[in-house]
Amino acid sequence: MDGGAFGAGKAGGAFDPQAFIRQPQTLLRLLSWVFSIVVFGSIVNEGYVNRADETQEHCIFNRNRNACNYGITVGVLAFLSCLLYLALDAYFPQISSVKDRKKAVLSDIGVSAFWAFLWFVGFCFLTNQWQASKKEDNPMNEGGDAARAAITFSFFSIFTWASLIFLAFRRLRDITFQEEYNTLFPNSPSLLP
């Protein structure tokens, strides 16, 4: 992958899985992927409890079904988004057009910012609802570890997605330089292989 633009190898070159895994954005996406699994998995698995005198299960976060639904929805959609952008990252070296690469990186910035915001909202919402939970709603403290895991990994997800924004901005800077270079020197060989 040496000599490529912003983490991409030569356009049309062979896919190198080792180089792909070593890229910082790939590692952060995989980490975000795992964090989203932990969040929605812990809520789905242990996020609903009931009292001894009830048969209907309620969300562990202050019996607020919206809190559990939000955590599950954001977790599942972030999981799918990570898979989509991992595929884009794998395909990225095959994109030869600077304009198409720029569009891909701009969409990465937008999507990463959107997910960082949603994880921030999720962290605040889940934390607030967890603090408002009453002891009598869950006297055995069932699912407490799962709730804390969902809150913790929501918090970590904010930083992984924010780091993805930073890396995408670096890639955009490199693309913009390449685009300006091609405009100023149209007859020179491209810096993009």
N, C-alpha and C. Protein backbone atom coordinates (compact mmCIF):
# COMPACT_ATOMS: atom_id res chain seq x y z
N MET A 1 0.82 -1.19 0.00
CA MET A 1 0.00 0.00 0.00
C MET A 1 0.86 1.26 0.00
N ASP A 2 2.14 1.13 -0.16
CA ASP A 2 3.01 2.30 -0.22
C ASP A 2 2.77 3.06 -1.50
N GLY A 3 2.91 4.36 -1.43
CA GLY A 3 2.79 5.19 -2.60
C GLY A 3 1.36 5.54 -2.96
N GLY A 4 0.42 5.11 -2.19
CA GLY A 4 -0.98 5.40 -2.49
C GLY A 4 -1.43 6.67 -1.80
N ALA A 5 -2.61 7.05 -2.13
CA ALA A 5 -3.17 8.26 -1.53
C ALA A 5 -4.00 7.90 -0.32
N PHE A 6 -3.70 8.56 0.82
CA PHE A 6 -4.45 8.45 2.07
C PHE A 6 -4.88 7.04 2.41
N GLY A 7 -3.92 6.13 2.44
CA GLY A 7 -4.24 4.78 2.88
C GLY A 7 -4.72 3.86 1.79
N ALA A 8 -4.80 4.35 0.57
CA ALA A 8 -5.23 3.51 -0.53
C ALA A 8 -4.02 3.15 -1.36
N GLY A 9 -4.00 1.95 -1.82
CA GLY A 9 -2.91 1.49 -2.67
C GLY A 9 -3.14 1.93 -4.10
N LYS A 10 -2.43 1.31 -5.00
CA LYS A 10 -2.59 1.63 -6.41
C LYS A 10 -3.99 1.25 -6.87
N ALA A 11 -4.60 2.15 -7.61
CA ALA A 11 -5.96 1.89 -8.09
C ALA A 11 -5.93 0.67 -9.00
N GLY A 12 -6.84 -0.24 -8.72
CA GLY A 12 -6.92 -1.46 -9.51
C GLY A 12 -5.96 -2.54 -9.07
N GLY A 13 -5.19 -2.29 -8.03
CA GLY A 13 -4.23 -3.28 -7.53
C GLY A 13 -4.93 -4.42 -6.81
N ALA A 14 -4.16 -5.43 -6.49
CA ALA A 14 -4.71 -6.59 -5.78
C ALA A 14 -5.02 -6.23 -4.34
N PHE A 15 -6.04 -6.88 -3.80
CA PHE A 15 -6.45 -6.65 -2.42
C PHE A 15 -5.45 -7.33 -1.48
N ASP A 16 -4.93 -6.57 -0.54
CA ASP A 16 -3.98 -7.09 0.44
C ASP A 16 -4.65 -7.09 1.81
N PRO A 17 -5.11 -8.27 2.29
CA PRO A 17 -5.84 -8.30 3.56
C PRO A 17 -5.01 -7.84 4.76
N GLN A 18 -3.72 -8.16 4.77
CA GLN A 18 -2.89 -7.74 5.90
C GLN A 18 -2.77 -6.23 5.97
N ALA A 19 -2.55 -5.60 4.84
CA ALA A 19 -2.45 -4.14 4.82
C ALA A 19 -3.80 -3.52 5.16
N PHE A 20 -4.87 -4.14 4.72
CA PHE A 20 -6.22 -3.63 5.02
C PHE A 20 -6.49 -3.66 6.51
N ILE A 21 -6.16 -4.75 7.17
CA ILE A 21 -6.40 -4.89 8.62
C ILE A 21 -5.56 -3.91 9.42
N ARG A 22 -4.38 -3.58 8.92
CA ARG A 22 -3.48 -2.69 9.66
C ARG A 22 -3.87 -1.21 9.55
N GLN A 23 -4.76 -0.87 8.66
CA GLN A 23 -5.14 0.53 8.51
C GLN A 23 -5.89 0.99 9.76
N PRO A 24 -5.60 2.20 10.22
CA PRO A 24 -6.26 2.70 11.44
C PRO A 24 -7.78 2.75 11.32
N GLN A 25 -8.30 3.16 10.16
CA GLN A 25 -9.76 3.23 10.03
C GLN A 25 -10.38 1.85 10.06
N THR A 26 -9.69 0.85 9.58
CA THR A 26 -10.22 -0.52 9.64
C THR A 26 -10.27 -1.00 11.09
N LEU A 27 -9.21 -0.75 11.83
CA LEU A 27 -9.18 -1.15 13.23
C LEU A 27 -10.26 -0.44 14.04
N LEU A 28 -10.43 0.85 13.80
CA LEU A 28 -11.47 1.60 14.52
C LEU A 28 -12.87 1.14 14.13
N ARG A 29 -13.06 0.82 12.86
CA ARG A 29 -14.38 0.32 12.44
C ARG A 29 -14.68 -1.03 13.07
N LEU A 30 -13.68 -1.89 13.12
CA LEU A 30 -13.88 -3.19 13.77
C LEU A 30 -14.18 -3.00 15.25
N LEU A 31 -13.49 -2.07 15.88
CA LEU A 31 -13.75 -1.77 17.29
C LEU A 31 -15.15 -1.21 17.48
N SER A 32 -15.57 -0.31 16.61
CA SER A 32 -16.94 0.23 16.67
C SER A 32 -17.96 -0.86 16.45
N TRP A 33 -17.65 -1.78 15.57
CA TRP A 33 -18.52 -2.91 15.27
C TRP A 33 -18.71 -3.77 16.53
N VAL A 34 -17.60 -4.07 17.21
CA VAL A 34 -17.67 -4.86 18.44
C VAL A 34 -18.44 -4.11 19.52
N PHE A 35 -18.19 -2.83 19.66
CA PHE A 35 -18.90 -2.03 20.67
C PHE A 35 -20.41 -2.04 20.41
N SER A 36 -20.80 -1.94 19.15
CA SER A 36 -22.24 -1.95 18.84
C SER A 36 -22.85 -3.31 19.17
N ILE A 37 -22.10 -4.38 18.95
CA ILE A 37 -22.58 -5.72 19.31
C ILE A 37 -22.79 -5.81 20.82
N VAL A 38 -21.83 -5.29 21.58
CA VAL A 38 -21.94 -5.33 23.04
C VAL A 38 -23.16 -4.55 23.51
N VAL A 39 -23.39 -3.37 22.94
CA VAL A 39 -24.52 -2.55 23.38
C VAL A 39 -25.84 -3.23 23.09
N PHE A 40 -26.09 -3.57 21.84
CA PHE A 40 -27.40 -4.15 21.56
C PHE A 40 -27.52 -5.56 22.10
N GLY A 41 -26.42 -6.29 22.17
CA GLY A 41 -26.47 -7.64 22.72
C GLY A 41 -26.77 -7.66 24.20
N SER A 42 -26.19 -6.75 24.94
CA SER A 42 -26.44 -6.73 26.39
C SER A 42 -27.87 -6.29 26.69
N ILE A 43 -28.39 -5.36 25.91
CA ILE A 43 -29.77 -4.93 26.15
C ILE A 43 -30.76 -6.01 25.74
N VAL A 44 -30.53 -6.63 24.60
CA VAL A 44 -31.44 -7.70 24.15
C VAL A 44 -31.40 -8.88 25.10
N ASN A 45 -30.21 -9.21 25.57
CA ASN A 45 -30.04 -10.40 26.40
C ASN A 45 -30.55 -10.22 27.82
N GLU A 46 -30.19 -9.10 28.47
CA GLU A 46 -30.54 -8.92 29.88
C GLU A 46 -31.17 -7.56 30.18
N GLY A 47 -31.66 -6.88 29.16
CA GLY A 47 -32.19 -5.54 29.35
C GLY A 47 -33.64 -5.47 29.78
N TYR A 48 -34.30 -6.61 29.86
CA TYR A 48 -35.72 -6.63 30.25
C TYR A 48 -35.88 -7.53 31.46
N VAL A 49 -36.52 -7.01 32.50
CA VAL A 49 -36.76 -7.77 33.74
C VAL A 49 -38.20 -7.54 34.19
N ASN A 50 -38.64 -8.36 35.11
CA ASN A 50 -39.97 -8.17 35.70
C ASN A 50 -39.88 -8.39 37.20
N ARG A 51 -40.84 -7.83 37.90
CA ARG A 51 -40.95 -8.06 39.34
C ARG A 51 -41.50 -9.45 39.58
N ALA A 52 -41.38 -9.90 40.82
CA ALA A 52 -41.89 -11.23 41.16
C ALA A 52 -43.40 -11.32 41.00
N ASP A 53 -44.09 -10.21 41.20
CA ASP A 53 -45.56 -10.23 41.12
C ASP A 53 -46.09 -9.86 39.73
N GLU A 54 -45.21 -9.71 38.73
CA GLU A 54 -45.62 -9.35 37.37
C GLU A 54 -45.20 -10.42 36.38
N THR A 55 -45.91 -10.48 35.28
CA THR A 55 -45.51 -11.39 34.21
C THR A 55 -44.91 -10.63 33.03
N GLN A 56 -45.30 -9.38 32.86
CA GLN A 56 -44.78 -8.59 31.75
C GLN A 56 -43.39 -8.06 32.08
N GLU A 57 -42.47 -8.18 31.12
CA GLU A 57 -41.11 -7.68 31.33
C GLU A 57 -41.05 -6.20 30.96
N HIS A 58 -40.22 -5.48 31.71
CA HIS A 58 -40.03 -4.05 31.47
C HIS A 58 -38.54 -3.79 31.25
N CYS A 59 -38.26 -2.69 30.58
CA CYS A 59 -36.87 -2.30 30.33
C CYS A 59 -36.18 -2.01 31.66
N ILE A 60 -34.93 -2.42 31.76
CA ILE A 60 -34.17 -2.24 32.99
C ILE A 60 -33.83 -0.77 33.23
N PHE A 61 -33.88 0.04 32.17
CA PHE A 61 -33.59 1.46 32.28
C PHE A 61 -34.85 2.21 32.67
N ASN A 62 -35.16 2.26 33.96
CA ASN A 62 -36.28 3.00 34.52
C ASN A 62 -37.63 2.56 33.94
N ARG A 63 -37.71 1.30 33.56
CA ARG A 63 -38.93 0.74 32.97
C ARG A 63 -39.38 1.53 31.75
N ASN A 64 -38.43 2.19 31.11
CA ASN A 64 -38.70 3.01 29.93
C ASN A 64 -38.35 2.21 28.68
N ARG A 65 -39.37 1.72 28.02
CA ARG A 65 -39.17 0.89 26.83
C ARG A 65 -38.40 1.64 25.75
N ASN A 66 -38.57 2.96 25.68
CA ASN A 66 -37.86 3.76 24.68
C ASN A 66 -36.35 3.70 24.86
N ALA A 67 -35.88 3.62 26.10
CA ALA A 67 -34.45 3.54 26.35
C ALA A 67 -33.88 2.24 25.77
N CYS A 68 -34.55 1.14 26.04
CA CYS A 68 -34.08 -0.13 25.49
C CYS A 68 -34.18 -0.14 23.97
N ASN A 69 -35.29 0.37 23.44
CA ASN A 69 -35.46 0.41 21.99
C ASN A 69 -34.40 1.27 21.32
N TYR A 70 -34.07 2.40 21.95
CA TYR A 70 -33.05 3.27 21.38
C TYR A 70 -31.69 2.56 21.35
N GLY A 71 -31.31 1.96 22.47
CA GLY A 71 -30.03 1.26 22.53
C GLY A 71 -29.94 0.13 21.52
N ILE A 72 -31.00 -0.62 21.39
CA ILE A 72 -31.01 -1.74 20.44
C ILE A 72 -30.96 -1.22 19.01
N THR A 73 -31.78 -0.23 18.70
CA THR A 73 -31.84 0.30 17.34
C THR A 73 -30.51 0.91 16.92
N VAL A 74 -29.95 1.75 17.77
CA VAL A 74 -28.67 2.38 17.44
C VAL A 74 -27.58 1.33 17.33
N GLY A 75 -27.59 0.36 18.22
CA GLY A 75 -26.58 -0.70 18.15
C GLY A 75 -26.65 -1.51 16.88
N VAL A 76 -27.85 -1.92 16.49
CA VAL A 76 -28.01 -2.73 15.28
C VAL A 76 -27.67 -1.92 14.03
N LEU A 77 -28.15 -0.69 13.95
CA LEU A 77 -27.87 0.13 12.77
C LEU A 77 -26.39 0.51 12.69
N ALA A 78 -25.75 0.75 13.82
CA ALA A 78 -24.30 1.03 13.82
C ALA A 78 -23.53 -0.21 13.39
N PHE A 79 -23.98 -1.37 13.81
CA PHE A 79 -23.39 -2.64 13.39
C PHE A 79 -23.43 -2.76 11.87
N LEU A 80 -24.59 -2.49 11.28
CA LEU A 80 -24.75 -2.59 9.83
C LEU A 80 -23.94 -1.50 9.11
N SER A 81 -23.89 -0.31 9.69
CA SER A 81 -23.12 0.77 9.11
C SER A 81 -21.63 0.44 9.10
N CYS A 82 -21.16 -0.17 10.18
CA CYS A 82 -19.75 -0.58 10.24
C CYS A 82 -19.44 -1.58 9.13
N LEU A 83 -20.33 -2.53 8.93
CA LEU A 83 -20.11 -3.53 7.87
C LEU A 83 -20.08 -2.86 6.50
N LEU A 84 -20.99 -1.93 6.27
CA LEU A 84 -21.04 -1.23 4.99
C LEU A 84 -19.75 -0.44 4.74
N TYR A 85 -19.29 0.28 5.74
CA TYR A 85 -18.08 1.08 5.54
C TYR A 85 -16.80 0.24 5.58
N LEU A 86 -16.83 -0.91 6.20
CA LEU A 86 -15.70 -1.84 6.06
C LEU A 86 -15.60 -2.32 4.62
N ALA A 87 -16.75 -2.61 4.02
CA ALA A 87 -16.76 -3.01 2.62
C ALA A 87 -16.27 -1.87 1.73
N LEU A 88 -16.69 -0.65 2.02
CA LEU A 88 -16.22 0.50 1.25
C LEU A 88 -14.71 0.68 1.42
N ASP A 89 -14.22 0.52 2.64
CA ASP A 89 -12.77 0.62 2.86
C ASP A 89 -12.01 -0.46 2.09
N ALA A 90 -12.58 -1.64 2.00
CA ALA A 90 -11.93 -2.72 1.24
C ALA A 90 -11.95 -2.40 -0.26
N TYR A 91 -13.02 -1.78 -0.73
CA TYR A 91 -13.16 -1.44 -2.15
C TYR A 91 -12.43 -0.14 -2.50
N PHE A 92 -12.13 0.67 -1.53
CA PHE A 92 -11.56 2.00 -1.74
C PHE A 92 -10.32 2.01 -2.65
N PRO A 93 -9.38 1.09 -2.51
CA PRO A 93 -8.22 1.11 -3.40
C PRO A 93 -8.57 0.89 -4.87
N GLN A 94 -9.72 0.31 -5.14
CA GLN A 94 -10.12 0.06 -6.52
C GLN A 94 -10.71 1.30 -7.18
N ILE A 95 -11.02 2.32 -6.40
CA ILE A 95 -11.60 3.55 -6.94
C ILE A 95 -10.47 4.39 -7.52
N SER A 96 -10.49 4.61 -8.82
CA SER A 96 -9.40 5.34 -9.46
C SER A 96 -9.66 6.84 -9.58
N SER A 97 -10.92 7.23 -9.57
CA SER A 97 -11.26 8.64 -9.73
C SER A 97 -11.10 9.39 -8.40
N VAL A 98 -10.41 10.53 -8.48
CA VAL A 98 -10.22 11.37 -7.30
C VAL A 98 -11.57 11.87 -6.79
N LYS A 99 -12.45 12.23 -7.73
CA LYS A 99 -13.77 12.74 -7.33
C LYS A 99 -14.59 11.66 -6.62
N ASP A 100 -14.51 10.43 -7.10
CA ASP A 100 -15.25 9.35 -6.44
C ASP A 100 -14.68 9.04 -5.07
N ARG A 101 -13.36 9.11 -4.96
CA ARG A 101 -12.74 8.91 -3.64
C ARG A 101 -13.17 10.01 -2.68
N LYS A 102 -13.25 11.23 -3.21
CA LYS A 102 -13.66 12.35 -2.37
C LYS A 102 -15.10 12.16 -1.89
N LYS A 103 -15.97 11.69 -2.76
CA LYS A 103 -17.35 11.43 -2.36
C LYS A 103 -17.42 10.35 -1.29
N ALA A 104 -16.62 9.32 -1.44
CA ALA A 104 -16.61 8.24 -0.44
C ALA A 104 -16.14 8.75 0.91
N VAL A 105 -15.11 9.58 0.91
CA VAL A 105 -14.58 10.11 2.17
C VAL A 105 -15.55 11.11 2.79
N LEU A 106 -16.20 11.92 1.97
CA LEU A 106 -17.20 12.86 2.50
C LEU A 106 -18.37 12.12 3.12
N SER A 107 -18.79 11.03 2.49
CA SER A 107 -19.87 10.24 3.10
C SER A 107 -19.40 9.60 4.40
N ASP A 108 -18.15 9.21 4.46
CA ASP A 108 -17.59 8.64 5.69
C ASP A 108 -17.60 9.68 6.81
N ILE A 109 -17.25 10.91 6.48
CA ILE A 109 -17.26 11.98 7.49
C ILE A 109 -18.68 12.20 8.00
N GLY A 110 -19.62 12.30 7.08
CA GLY A 110 -21.01 12.55 7.48
C GLY A 110 -21.59 11.42 8.31
N VAL A 111 -21.38 10.20 7.88
CA VAL A 111 -21.93 9.04 8.60
C VAL A 111 -21.25 8.90 9.96
N SER A 112 -19.95 9.09 10.02
CA SER A 112 -19.25 8.98 11.30
C SER A 112 -19.69 10.06 12.28
N ALA A 113 -19.90 11.27 11.78
CA ALA A 113 -20.40 12.35 12.65
C ALA A 113 -21.80 12.03 13.15
N PHE A 114 -22.63 11.50 12.27
CA PHE A 114 -23.99 11.12 12.64
C PHE A 114 -23.97 10.06 13.74
N TRP A 115 -23.12 9.06 13.60
CA TRP A 115 -23.06 7.98 14.60
C TRP A 115 -22.44 8.46 15.90
N ALA A 116 -21.44 9.33 15.83
CA ALA A 116 -20.87 9.87 17.07
C ALA A 116 -21.94 10.63 17.84
N PHE A 117 -22.77 11.40 17.12
CA PHE A 117 -23.86 12.13 17.76
C PHE A 117 -24.88 11.16 18.36
N LEU A 118 -25.30 10.16 17.60
CA LEU A 118 -26.29 9.21 18.11
C LEU A 118 -25.77 8.45 19.33
N TRP A 119 -24.49 8.10 19.34
CA TRP A 119 -23.93 7.41 20.50
C TRP A 119 -23.86 8.35 21.70
N PHE A 120 -23.58 9.62 21.46
CA PHE A 120 -23.58 10.59 22.56
C PHE A 120 -24.97 10.70 23.17
N VAL A 121 -25.98 10.83 22.30
CA VAL A 121 -27.36 10.90 22.77
C VAL A 121 -27.72 9.61 23.51
N GLY A 122 -27.32 8.48 22.95
CA GLY A 122 -27.61 7.19 23.59
C GLY A 122 -26.95 7.06 24.95
N PHE A 123 -25.70 7.49 25.05
CA PHE A 123 -25.01 7.44 26.33
C PHE A 123 -25.73 8.29 27.36
N CYS A 124 -26.08 9.52 26.98
CA CYS A 124 -26.78 10.42 27.91
C CYS A 124 -28.14 9.86 28.30
N PHE A 125 -28.88 9.36 27.34
CA PHE A 125 -30.22 8.84 27.58
C PHE A 125 -30.18 7.61 28.48
N LEU A 126 -29.32 6.66 28.14
CA LEU A 126 -29.23 5.44 28.95
C LEU A 126 -28.73 5.74 30.36
N THR A 127 -27.75 6.62 30.48
CA THR A 127 -27.23 6.98 31.80
C THR A 127 -28.32 7.64 32.64
N ASN A 128 -29.05 8.57 32.04
CA ASN A 128 -30.12 9.25 32.76
C ASN A 128 -31.19 8.27 33.22
N GLN A 129 -31.60 7.37 32.35
CA GLN A 129 -32.64 6.41 32.71
C GLN A 129 -32.14 5.39 33.73
N TRP A 130 -30.87 5.05 33.66
CA TRP A 130 -30.30 4.12 34.64
C TRP A 130 -30.25 4.76 36.02
N GLN A 131 -29.89 6.04 36.08
CA GLN A 131 -29.85 6.75 37.35
C GLN A 131 -31.25 6.92 37.93
N ALA A 132 -32.25 7.05 37.08
CA ALA A 132 -33.63 7.26 37.54
C ALA A 132 -34.32 5.95 37.91
N SER A 133 -33.67 4.82 37.65
CA SER A 133 -34.28 3.52 37.96
C SER A 133 -34.47 3.38 39.46
N LYS A 134 -35.57 2.77 39.84
CA LYS A 134 -35.88 2.58 41.26
C LYS A 134 -35.46 1.19 41.70
N LYS A 135 -34.97 1.11 42.92
CA LYS A 135 -34.53 -0.16 43.50
C LYS A 135 -35.66 -1.18 43.56
N GLU A 136 -36.89 -0.72 43.86
CA GLU A 136 -38.02 -1.65 43.99
C GLU A 136 -38.45 -2.24 42.64
N ASP A 137 -38.06 -1.61 41.53
CA ASP A 137 -38.39 -2.17 40.21
C ASP A 137 -37.51 -3.36 39.86
N ASN A 138 -36.36 -3.44 40.50
CA ASN A 138 -35.43 -4.53 40.23
C ASN A 138 -34.66 -4.86 41.52
N PRO A 139 -35.34 -5.47 42.50
CA PRO A 139 -34.71 -5.68 43.82
C PRO A 139 -33.51 -6.63 43.78
N MET A 140 -33.49 -7.55 42.82
CA MET A 140 -32.37 -8.50 42.73
C MET A 140 -31.21 -7.95 41.90
N ASN A 141 -31.39 -6.73 41.38
CA ASN A 141 -30.38 -6.09 40.53
C ASN A 141 -30.01 -6.96 39.32
N GLU A 142 -31.02 -7.62 38.78
CA GLU A 142 -30.80 -8.44 37.59
C GLU A 142 -30.49 -7.54 36.41
N GLY A 143 -29.53 -7.92 35.61
CA GLY A 143 -29.19 -7.17 34.41
C GLY A 143 -28.43 -5.90 34.66
N GLY A 144 -28.02 -5.66 35.88
CA GLY A 144 -27.27 -4.44 36.19
C GLY A 144 -25.96 -4.36 35.44
N ASP A 145 -25.26 -5.48 35.35
CA ASP A 145 -23.99 -5.49 34.62
C ASP A 145 -24.21 -5.23 33.13
N ALA A 146 -25.29 -5.78 32.59
CA ALA A 146 -25.59 -5.57 31.17
C ALA A 146 -25.92 -4.10 30.91
N ALA A 147 -26.65 -3.48 31.82
CA ALA A 147 -26.99 -2.07 31.67
C ALA A 147 -25.73 -1.20 31.73
N ARG A 148 -24.86 -1.51 32.69
CA ARG A 148 -23.61 -0.75 32.79
C ARG A 148 -22.73 -0.98 31.58
N ALA A 149 -22.73 -2.19 31.03
CA ALA A 149 -21.94 -2.48 29.82
C ALA A 149 -22.48 -1.68 28.64
N ALA A 150 -23.80 -1.63 28.50
CA ALA A 150 -24.39 -0.85 27.40
C ALA A 150 -24.03 0.62 27.52
N ILE A 151 -24.08 1.15 28.75
CA ILE A 151 -23.74 2.56 28.96
C ILE A 151 -22.25 2.79 28.67
N THR A 152 -21.40 1.92 29.18
CA THR A 152 -19.96 2.08 29.00
C THR A 152 -19.56 2.01 27.53
N PHE A 153 -20.08 1.03 26.82
CA PHE A 153 -19.69 0.89 25.42
C PHE A 153 -20.36 1.93 24.52
N SER A 154 -21.46 2.50 24.96
CA SER A 154 -22.02 3.66 24.26
C SER A 154 -21.05 4.83 24.38
N PHE A 155 -20.49 4.99 25.56
CA PHE A 155 -19.51 6.04 25.78
C PHE A 155 -18.26 5.82 24.93
N PHE A 156 -17.74 4.61 24.91
CA PHE A 156 -16.56 4.30 24.10
C PHE A 156 -16.83 4.52 22.61
N SER A 157 -18.05 4.23 22.19
CA SER A 157 -18.40 4.37 20.78
C SER A 157 -18.33 5.82 20.31
N ILE A 158 -18.60 6.74 21.20
CA ILE A 158 -18.48 8.16 20.84
C ILE A 158 -17.07 8.44 20.34
N PHE A 159 -16.09 7.93 21.04
CA PHE A 159 -14.69 8.22 20.71
C PHE A 159 -14.21 7.44 19.50
N THR A 160 -14.69 6.22 19.30
CA THR A 160 -14.27 5.49 18.09
C THR A 160 -14.82 6.16 16.85
N TRP A 161 -16.08 6.59 16.89
CA TRP A 161 -16.66 7.26 15.73
C TRP A 161 -16.04 8.64 15.53
N ALA A 162 -15.72 9.35 16.61
CA ALA A 162 -15.06 10.65 16.47
C ALA A 162 -13.65 10.48 15.89
N SER A 163 -12.99 9.42 16.26
CA SER A 163 -11.67 9.13 15.67
C SER A 163 -11.79 8.81 14.19
N LEU A 164 -12.86 8.14 13.81
CA LEU A 164 -13.09 7.87 12.38
C LEU A 164 -13.32 9.18 11.61
N ILE A 165 -13.96 10.15 12.25
CA ILE A 165 -14.14 11.46 11.62
C ILE A 165 -12.77 12.10 11.38
N PHE A 166 -11.92 12.06 12.39
CA PHE A 166 -10.58 12.64 12.28
C PHE A 166 -9.80 12.00 11.14
N LEU A 167 -9.82 10.67 11.07
CA LEU A 167 -9.10 9.97 10.00
C LEU A 167 -9.67 10.29 8.63
N ALA A 168 -10.98 10.41 8.55
CA ALA A 168 -11.61 10.76 7.27
C ALA A 168 -11.23 12.17 6.85
N PHE A 169 -11.13 13.09 7.80
CA PHE A 169 -10.70 14.45 7.45
C PHE A 169 -9.26 14.45 6.94
N ARG A 170 -8.42 13.62 7.52
CA ARG A 170 -7.06 13.51 7.01
C ARG A 170 -7.06 12.98 5.59
N ARG A 171 -7.87 11.98 5.32
CA ARG A 171 -7.97 11.44 3.97
C ARG A 171 -8.53 12.48 3.01
N LEU A 172 -9.49 13.28 3.46
CA LEU A 172 -10.06 14.33 2.61
C LEU A 172 -9.00 15.38 2.28
N ARG A 173 -8.19 15.73 3.24
CA ARG A 173 -7.11 16.69 3.00
C ARG A 173 -6.19 16.18 1.90
N ASP A 174 -5.86 14.91 1.94
CA ASP A 174 -4.99 14.32 0.92
C ASP A 174 -5.67 14.30 -0.44
N ILE A 175 -6.95 14.04 -0.47
CA ILE A 175 -7.69 14.04 -1.74
C ILE A 175 -7.75 15.44 -2.31
N THR A 176 -8.01 16.43 -1.47
CA THR A 176 -8.10 17.81 -1.93
C THR A 176 -6.77 18.25 -2.51
N PHE A 177 -5.67 17.84 -1.87
CA PHE A 177 -4.35 18.15 -2.40
C PHE A 177 -4.18 17.51 -3.77
N GLN A 178 -4.60 16.27 -3.91
CA GLN A 178 -4.48 15.56 -5.19
C GLN A 178 -5.31 16.25 -6.27
N GLU A 179 -6.50 16.68 -5.91
CA GLU A 179 -7.38 17.35 -6.87
C GLU A 179 -6.77 18.68 -7.32
N GLU A 180 -6.22 19.45 -6.39
CA GLU A 180 -5.59 20.72 -6.74
C GLU A 180 -4.35 20.49 -7.58
N TYR A 181 -3.59 19.46 -7.27
CA TYR A 181 -2.39 19.13 -8.03
C TYR A 181 -2.77 18.81 -9.48
N ASN A 182 -3.83 18.02 -9.65
CA ASN A 182 -4.26 17.66 -11.00
C ASN A 182 -4.77 18.88 -11.77
N THR A 183 -5.37 19.85 -11.07
CA THR A 183 -5.86 21.06 -11.73
C THR A 183 -4.69 21.96 -12.14
N LEU A 184 -3.70 22.10 -11.27
CA LEU A 184 -2.56 22.98 -11.57
C LEU A 184 -1.62 22.38 -12.61
N PHE A 185 -1.47 21.08 -12.58
CA PHE A 185 -0.54 20.40 -13.49
C PHE A 185 -1.27 19.30 -14.25
N PRO A 186 -2.11 19.67 -15.21
CA PRO A 186 -2.95 18.67 -15.88
C PRO A 186 -2.17 17.67 -16.73
N ASN A 187 -1.01 18.05 -17.22
CA ASN A 187 -0.25 17.15 -18.09
C ASN A 187 0.78 16.31 -17.34
N SER A 188 0.91 16.54 -16.06
CA SER A 188 1.89 15.77 -15.29
C SER A 188 1.28 14.44 -14.85
N PRO A 189 2.13 13.50 -14.53
CA PRO A 189 1.58 12.21 -14.05
C PRO A 189 0.87 12.41 -12.73
N SER A 190 -0.16 11.65 -12.54
CA SER A 190 -0.98 11.75 -11.32
C SER A 190 -0.21 11.24 -10.12
N LEU A 191 -0.45 11.89 -8.98
CA LEU A 191 0.14 11.38 -7.74
C LEU A 191 -0.57 10.13 -7.29
N LEU A 192 -1.82 9.98 -7.72
CA LEU A 192 -2.56 8.75 -7.45
C LEU A 192 -2.11 7.70 -8.44
N PRO A 193 -1.62 6.60 -7.98
CA PRO A 193 -1.18 5.57 -8.92
C PRO A 193 -2.35 5.00 -9.70
